[in-house]
């Protein structure tokens, strides 16, 4: 009952694997969706006729450009949380 099973000791390794795979899949997803996003953004800029619409489109494009950094930060926070939990419960 008190023995450590190998699956319980692999928590941090599993979290690191999820970190690496998650970053890879997010990169592939962003690369695939970049073309359609650029098309939609170009269409939106030709249709936008007010300064508010142009400002909103600028916000969306800024978010899209910052998305890889946001995803990397969230993945790092997940890894940091897993490391903290591993240290607290081991």
N, C-alpha and C. Protein backbone atom coordinates (compact mmCIF):
# COMPACT_ATOMS: atom_id res chain seq x y z
N UNK A 1 0.81 -1.19 0.00
CA UNK A 1 0.00 0.00 0.00
C UNK A 1 0.86 1.26 0.00
N UNK A 2 1.93 1.32 0.76
CA UNK A 2 2.75 2.50 0.85
C UNK A 2 3.85 2.57 -0.21
N UNK A 3 3.89 1.55 -1.09
CA UNK A 3 4.94 1.55 -2.11
C UNK A 3 4.64 2.56 -3.20
N UNK A 4 5.71 3.18 -3.73
CA UNK A 4 5.56 4.10 -4.85
C UNK A 4 5.46 3.30 -6.14
N UNK A 5 4.39 3.49 -6.83
CA UNK A 5 4.26 2.85 -8.13
C UNK A 5 4.94 3.74 -9.16
N UNK A 6 5.49 3.19 -10.22
CA UNK A 6 6.20 4.00 -11.23
C UNK A 6 5.30 5.06 -11.87
N UNK A 7 4.03 4.77 -12.00
CA UNK A 7 3.14 5.73 -12.65
C UNK A 7 2.96 6.97 -11.78
N UNK A 8 3.02 6.84 -10.48
CA UNK A 8 2.86 7.99 -9.58
C UNK A 8 4.11 8.86 -9.57
N UNK A 9 5.27 8.28 -9.83
CA UNK A 9 6.50 9.05 -9.79
C UNK A 9 6.79 9.73 -11.13
N UNK A 10 5.99 9.47 -12.13
CA UNK A 10 6.25 10.02 -13.46
C UNK A 10 5.42 11.27 -13.73
N UNK A 11 4.91 11.91 -12.69
CA UNK A 11 4.04 13.07 -12.87
C UNK A 11 4.71 14.22 -13.58
N UNK A 12 5.91 14.57 -13.17
CA UNK A 12 6.60 15.70 -13.78
C UNK A 12 7.06 15.38 -15.20
N UNK A 13 7.46 14.16 -15.44
CA UNK A 13 7.85 13.76 -16.79
C UNK A 13 6.63 13.81 -17.71
N UNK A 14 5.48 13.38 -17.21
CA UNK A 14 4.25 13.45 -18.00
C UNK A 14 3.87 14.90 -18.28
N UNK A 15 4.02 15.77 -17.30
CA UNK A 15 3.71 17.19 -17.47
C UNK A 15 4.64 17.82 -18.50
N UNK A 16 5.91 17.44 -18.48
CA UNK A 16 6.86 17.98 -19.47
C UNK A 16 6.51 17.48 -20.87
N UNK A 17 6.11 16.22 -20.98
CA UNK A 17 5.69 15.67 -22.26
C UNK A 17 4.46 16.41 -22.79
N UNK A 18 3.50 16.69 -21.92
CA UNK A 18 2.32 17.45 -22.31
C UNK A 18 2.71 18.86 -22.74
N UNK A 19 3.66 19.46 -22.06
CA UNK A 19 4.16 20.79 -22.40
C UNK A 19 4.73 20.80 -23.83
N UNK A 20 5.61 19.86 -24.13
CA UNK A 20 6.26 19.82 -25.43
C UNK A 20 5.26 19.50 -26.54
N UNK A 21 4.42 18.50 -26.32
CA UNK A 21 3.43 18.12 -27.33
C UNK A 21 2.41 19.25 -27.52
N UNK A 22 2.01 19.89 -26.44
CA UNK A 22 1.05 20.99 -26.54
C UNK A 22 1.62 22.16 -27.33
N UNK A 23 2.86 22.51 -27.09
CA UNK A 23 3.48 23.59 -27.87
C UNK A 23 3.58 23.21 -29.35
N UNK A 24 3.94 21.98 -29.62
CA UNK A 24 4.04 21.53 -31.01
C UNK A 24 2.70 21.56 -31.72
N UNK A 25 1.67 21.04 -31.06
CA UNK A 25 0.34 21.04 -31.68
C UNK A 25 -0.21 22.46 -31.84
N UNK A 26 0.05 23.31 -30.88
CA UNK A 26 -0.39 24.70 -31.00
C UNK A 26 0.31 25.39 -32.16
N UNK A 27 1.58 25.11 -32.35
CA UNK A 27 2.31 25.69 -33.47
C UNK A 27 1.76 25.21 -34.80
N UNK A 28 1.45 23.94 -34.90
CA UNK A 28 0.87 23.40 -36.13
C UNK A 28 -0.51 24.01 -36.38
N UNK A 29 -1.31 24.12 -35.34
CA UNK A 29 -2.65 24.69 -35.48
C UNK A 29 -2.59 26.15 -35.92
N UNK A 30 -1.70 26.91 -35.34
CA UNK A 30 -1.56 28.32 -35.74
C UNK A 30 -1.05 28.41 -37.18
N UNK A 31 -0.11 27.55 -37.55
CA UNK A 31 0.40 27.57 -38.93
C UNK A 31 -0.71 27.23 -39.93
N UNK A 32 -1.57 26.28 -39.59
CA UNK A 32 -2.66 25.90 -40.49
C UNK A 32 -3.69 27.01 -40.59
N UNK A 33 -4.00 27.66 -39.47
CA UNK A 33 -5.04 28.68 -39.47
C UNK A 33 -4.55 30.06 -39.88
N UNK A 34 -3.26 30.23 -40.07
CA UNK A 34 -2.73 31.55 -40.41
C UNK A 34 -3.21 32.02 -41.79
N UNK A 35 -3.24 31.13 -42.76
CA UNK A 35 -3.71 31.50 -44.10
C UNK A 35 -5.16 31.96 -44.10
N UNK A 36 -6.08 31.17 -43.55
CA UNK A 36 -7.47 31.63 -43.49
C UNK A 36 -7.65 32.91 -42.68
N UNK A 37 -6.88 33.06 -41.63
CA UNK A 37 -6.99 34.29 -40.84
C UNK A 37 -6.57 35.50 -41.65
N UNK A 38 -5.48 35.37 -42.40
CA UNK A 38 -5.03 36.48 -43.23
C UNK A 38 -6.07 36.85 -44.29
N UNK A 39 -6.73 35.83 -44.85
CA UNK A 39 -7.79 36.09 -45.84
C UNK A 39 -8.96 36.83 -45.21
N UNK A 40 -9.38 36.37 -44.04
CA UNK A 40 -10.50 37.01 -43.33
C UNK A 40 -10.12 38.43 -42.93
N UNK A 41 -8.90 38.62 -42.46
CA UNK A 41 -8.46 39.96 -42.05
C UNK A 41 -8.40 40.91 -43.24
N UNK A 42 -7.94 40.42 -44.39
CA UNK A 42 -7.89 41.27 -45.57
C UNK A 42 -9.29 41.63 -46.05
N UNK A 43 -10.20 40.67 -45.99
CA UNK A 43 -11.59 40.95 -46.37
C UNK A 43 -12.22 41.93 -45.40
N UNK A 44 -11.95 41.76 -44.12
CA UNK A 44 -12.50 42.67 -43.12
C UNK A 44 -11.98 44.09 -43.27
N UNK A 45 -10.72 44.23 -43.64
CA UNK A 45 -10.17 45.58 -43.80
C UNK A 45 -10.76 46.28 -45.02
N UNK A 46 -11.15 45.51 -46.04
CA UNK A 46 -11.76 46.14 -47.21
C UNK A 46 -13.22 46.52 -46.94
N UNK A 47 -13.85 45.83 -46.00
CA UNK A 47 -15.26 46.10 -45.69
C UNK A 47 -15.39 47.17 -44.60
N UNK A 48 -14.42 47.24 -43.69
CA UNK A 48 -14.50 48.18 -42.57
C UNK A 48 -14.48 49.61 -43.09
N UNK A 49 -15.48 50.38 -42.70
CA UNK A 49 -15.55 51.75 -43.18
C UNK A 49 -15.56 52.78 -42.06
N UNK A 50 -15.50 52.33 -40.81
CA UNK A 50 -15.47 53.29 -39.71
C UNK A 50 -14.16 53.12 -38.94
N UNK A 51 -13.83 54.13 -38.18
CA UNK A 51 -12.60 54.06 -37.39
C UNK A 51 -12.73 53.04 -36.27
N UNK A 52 -13.94 52.86 -35.74
CA UNK A 52 -14.14 51.86 -34.69
C UNK A 52 -13.93 50.44 -35.22
N UNK A 53 -14.42 50.18 -36.42
CA UNK A 53 -14.22 48.86 -37.03
C UNK A 53 -12.74 48.61 -37.30
N UNK A 54 -12.05 49.62 -37.78
CA UNK A 54 -10.62 49.47 -38.05
C UNK A 54 -9.84 49.25 -36.75
N UNK A 55 -10.25 49.96 -35.69
CA UNK A 55 -9.58 49.77 -34.40
C UNK A 55 -9.83 48.37 -33.86
N UNK A 56 -11.07 47.88 -33.99
CA UNK A 56 -11.39 46.52 -33.56
C UNK A 56 -10.61 45.48 -34.32
N UNK A 57 -10.47 45.69 -35.62
CA UNK A 57 -9.70 44.76 -36.42
C UNK A 57 -8.22 44.80 -36.01
N UNK A 58 -7.74 45.97 -35.66
CA UNK A 58 -6.36 46.08 -35.17
C UNK A 58 -6.15 45.29 -33.88
N UNK A 59 -7.16 45.33 -32.99
CA UNK A 59 -7.08 44.55 -31.75
C UNK A 59 -7.04 43.05 -32.05
N UNK A 60 -7.87 42.62 -32.99
CA UNK A 60 -7.91 41.20 -33.33
C UNK A 60 -6.58 40.76 -33.95
N UNK A 61 -6.02 41.57 -34.82
CA UNK A 61 -4.74 41.23 -35.43
C UNK A 61 -3.61 41.23 -34.41
N UNK A 62 -3.67 42.16 -33.46
CA UNK A 62 -2.66 42.17 -32.39
C UNK A 62 -2.76 40.91 -31.54
N UNK A 63 -3.99 40.49 -31.23
CA UNK A 63 -4.17 39.26 -30.46
C UNK A 63 -3.66 38.05 -31.24
N UNK A 64 -3.95 37.99 -32.54
CA UNK A 64 -3.49 36.87 -33.35
C UNK A 64 -1.97 36.82 -33.39
N UNK A 65 -1.34 37.97 -33.49
CA UNK A 65 0.12 38.01 -33.52
C UNK A 65 0.73 37.65 -32.17
N UNK A 66 0.03 37.93 -31.08
CA UNK A 66 0.53 37.61 -29.74
C UNK A 66 0.14 36.20 -29.30
N UNK A 67 -0.68 35.51 -30.07
CA UNK A 67 -1.18 34.19 -29.66
C UNK A 67 -0.07 33.17 -29.38
N UNK A 68 1.00 33.07 -30.18
CA UNK A 68 2.05 32.11 -29.83
C UNK A 68 2.70 32.39 -28.47
N UNK A 69 2.88 33.65 -28.14
CA UNK A 69 3.45 34.00 -26.84
C UNK A 69 2.48 33.65 -25.71
N UNK A 70 1.21 33.91 -25.93
CA UNK A 70 0.19 33.60 -24.92
C UNK A 70 0.13 32.10 -24.69
N UNK A 71 0.14 31.32 -25.76
CA UNK A 71 0.09 29.86 -25.63
C UNK A 71 1.34 29.34 -24.92
N UNK A 72 2.50 29.85 -25.27
CA UNK A 72 3.73 29.42 -24.60
C UNK A 72 3.71 29.78 -23.11
N UNK A 73 3.19 30.95 -22.78
CA UNK A 73 3.09 31.36 -21.38
C UNK A 73 2.14 30.46 -20.60
N UNK A 74 0.99 30.15 -21.19
CA UNK A 74 0.03 29.27 -20.51
C UNK A 74 0.60 27.85 -20.35
N UNK A 75 1.30 27.36 -21.36
CA UNK A 75 1.91 26.04 -21.25
C UNK A 75 2.99 26.03 -20.19
N UNK A 76 3.77 27.10 -20.11
CA UNK A 76 4.80 27.19 -19.08
C UNK A 76 4.19 27.25 -17.68
N UNK A 77 3.08 27.98 -17.54
CA UNK A 77 2.40 28.03 -16.24
C UNK A 77 1.86 26.66 -15.84
N UNK A 78 1.39 25.90 -16.82
CA UNK A 78 0.93 24.53 -16.54
C UNK A 78 2.09 23.68 -16.06
N UNK A 79 3.23 23.80 -16.72
CA UNK A 79 4.41 23.03 -16.32
C UNK A 79 4.90 23.46 -14.94
N UNK A 80 4.87 24.75 -14.67
CA UNK A 80 5.29 25.26 -13.36
C UNK A 80 4.35 24.77 -12.27
N UNK A 81 3.06 24.76 -12.55
CA UNK A 81 2.09 24.24 -11.58
C UNK A 81 2.28 22.76 -11.31
N UNK A 82 2.58 22.00 -12.35
CA UNK A 82 2.83 20.57 -12.16
C UNK A 82 4.09 20.34 -11.34
N UNK A 83 5.12 21.15 -11.56
CA UNK A 83 6.35 21.03 -10.78
C UNK A 83 6.11 21.39 -9.31
N UNK A 84 5.31 22.42 -9.08
CA UNK A 84 5.00 22.80 -7.70
C UNK A 84 4.18 21.72 -7.02
N UNK A 85 3.23 21.14 -7.72
CA UNK A 85 2.44 20.06 -7.13
C UNK A 85 3.29 18.82 -6.88
N UNK A 86 4.22 18.54 -7.76
CA UNK A 86 5.12 17.39 -7.58
C UNK A 86 5.98 17.59 -6.34
N UNK A 87 6.47 18.80 -6.15
CA UNK A 87 7.32 19.06 -4.99
C UNK A 87 6.54 19.05 -3.69
N UNK A 88 5.29 19.46 -3.74
CA UNK A 88 4.48 19.52 -2.53
C UNK A 88 3.99 18.15 -2.09
N UNK A 89 3.68 17.28 -3.05
CA UNK A 89 3.05 16.02 -2.70
C UNK A 89 4.01 14.83 -2.70
N UNK A 90 5.27 15.05 -3.02
CA UNK A 90 6.18 13.90 -3.03
C UNK A 90 6.93 13.76 -1.73
